[in-house]
Protein backbone atom coordinates (compact mmCIF):
# COMPACT_ATOMS: atom_id res chain seq x y z
CA MET A 1 -104.14 15.49 -7.51
CA ARG A 2 -101.79 16.28 -10.42
CA MET A 3 -99.22 18.93 -10.36
CA GLN A 4 -98.67 21.37 -13.26
CA PRO A 5 -95.15 21.20 -14.80
CA LEU A 6 -92.75 23.92 -14.32
CA SER A 7 -93.53 26.69 -16.65
CA PRO A 8 -91.10 28.58 -18.84
CA HIS A 9 -92.62 31.79 -17.50
CA LEU A 10 -91.67 30.57 -13.89
CA ARG A 11 -88.01 29.68 -15.08
CA LYS A 12 -87.49 33.25 -16.63
CA LEU A 13 -88.90 35.08 -13.78
CA CYS A 14 -86.53 33.04 -11.27
CA ARG A 15 -83.43 33.95 -13.54
CA GLN A 16 -84.67 37.60 -13.86
CA LEU A 17 -84.85 37.84 -10.05
CA GLY A 18 -81.21 36.82 -9.77
CA PRO A 19 -79.03 33.99 -8.37
CA ASP A 20 -80.55 34.09 -4.86
CA TYR A 21 -83.64 32.71 -6.03
CA GLU A 22 -84.45 29.06 -6.70
CA THR A 23 -87.39 27.17 -8.06
CA THR A 24 -88.83 24.46 -5.70
CA ILE A 25 -92.04 22.60 -4.94
CA ILE A 26 -94.03 23.61 -1.87
CA ASP A 27 -97.63 21.95 -1.20
CA LEU A 28 -97.62 20.20 -4.83
CA GLU A 29 -96.89 23.74 -6.54
CA HIS A 30 -93.74 24.96 -8.28
CA VAL A 31 -92.76 28.19 -6.57
CA ILE A 32 -89.75 30.69 -6.50
CA ARG A 33 -88.00 30.54 -2.95
CA ARG A 34 -85.33 32.85 -1.36
CA ASP A 35 -83.59 31.93 1.73
CA PHE A 36 -82.64 34.91 3.77
CA GLY A 37 -80.00 33.05 5.79
CA ASN A 38 -81.44 33.84 9.19
CA GLY A 39 -84.43 31.60 9.54
CA TYR A 40 -86.52 33.56 7.34
CA ASP A 41 -87.46 32.79 3.64
CA LEU A 42 -89.68 33.94 0.87
CA GLU A 43 -91.94 31.90 -1.18
CA ILE A 44 -93.38 33.33 -4.44
CA SER A 45 -96.52 31.45 -5.32
CA GLY A 46 -99.24 31.66 -8.00
CA VAL A 47 -97.09 32.38 -11.15
CA ASN A 48 -96.46 28.94 -12.61
CA THR A 49 -98.68 29.75 -15.40
CA SER A 50 -98.62 30.47 -19.09
CA SER A 51 -100.40 33.93 -18.33
CA LEU A 52 -98.25 36.74 -17.62
CA LYS A 53 -101.25 38.68 -16.07
CA ARG A 54 -101.62 36.26 -13.09
CA LYS A 55 -101.01 37.87 -9.80
CA ALA A 56 -98.75 36.36 -7.20
CA THR A 57 -98.75 35.85 -3.66
CA LEU A 58 -95.58 36.26 -1.55
CA TYR A 59 -95.23 34.60 1.69
CA VAL A 60 -92.41 35.05 4.43
CA TRP A 61 -91.73 32.01 6.48
CA LYS A 62 -90.04 31.80 9.79
CA ASP A 63 -88.05 28.56 10.17
CA LYS A 64 -90.03 26.91 7.35
CA LYS A 65 -93.10 26.31 9.73
CA HIS A 66 -94.85 29.68 10.34
CA ILE A 67 -96.02 32.27 7.89
CA VAL A 68 -95.36 35.61 9.21
CA GLU A 69 -96.30 37.88 6.47
CA LYS A 70 -98.33 37.47 3.10
CA VAL A 71 -98.61 40.10 0.35
CA TYR A 72 -101.42 39.35 -2.28
CA ARG A 73 -102.09 40.23 -5.83
CA VAL A 74 -98.70 41.34 -6.89
CA SER A 75 -98.49 41.91 -10.30
CA ARG A 76 -95.56 40.32 -12.33
CA ASP A 77 -93.88 43.63 -12.95
CA ASP A 78 -93.83 44.38 -9.10
CA ILE A 79 -92.61 41.04 -7.80
CA GLY A 80 -88.92 41.89 -7.85
CA SER A 81 -89.45 45.27 -5.90
CA VAL A 82 -91.89 43.80 -3.34
CA ALA A 83 -89.46 40.79 -2.96
CA ASP A 84 -86.54 43.29 -2.32
CA ASN A 85 -88.63 45.21 0.33
CA LEU A 86 -89.54 42.02 2.07
CA TYR A 87 -85.76 41.08 2.12
CA GLN A 88 -84.85 44.41 3.57
CA LYS A 89 -87.34 43.98 6.33
CA TYR A 90 -86.49 40.45 7.25
CA SER A 91 -82.81 39.99 6.44
CA SER A 92 -81.76 42.17 9.52
CA LEU A 93 -83.88 40.38 12.20
């Protein structure tokens, strides 16, 4: 299986989300990740594409082993606010 190269749109989205976010590779896919610093982290998947209409899936991981929450079909315009809401929910646990 061949991996897609890192798209300019993914890089731009990562910069827009801010310095707490980074690009990384998970399951042979370029994704955006944020470590909440307490065993939880966020993965933003499905946006390494040239299409700005492609919907993202956001995953909250516990200890990098278990997915504890999934949010499907998040539009590009809503990724930042959904990610912020998930951070607020899980950062104090």
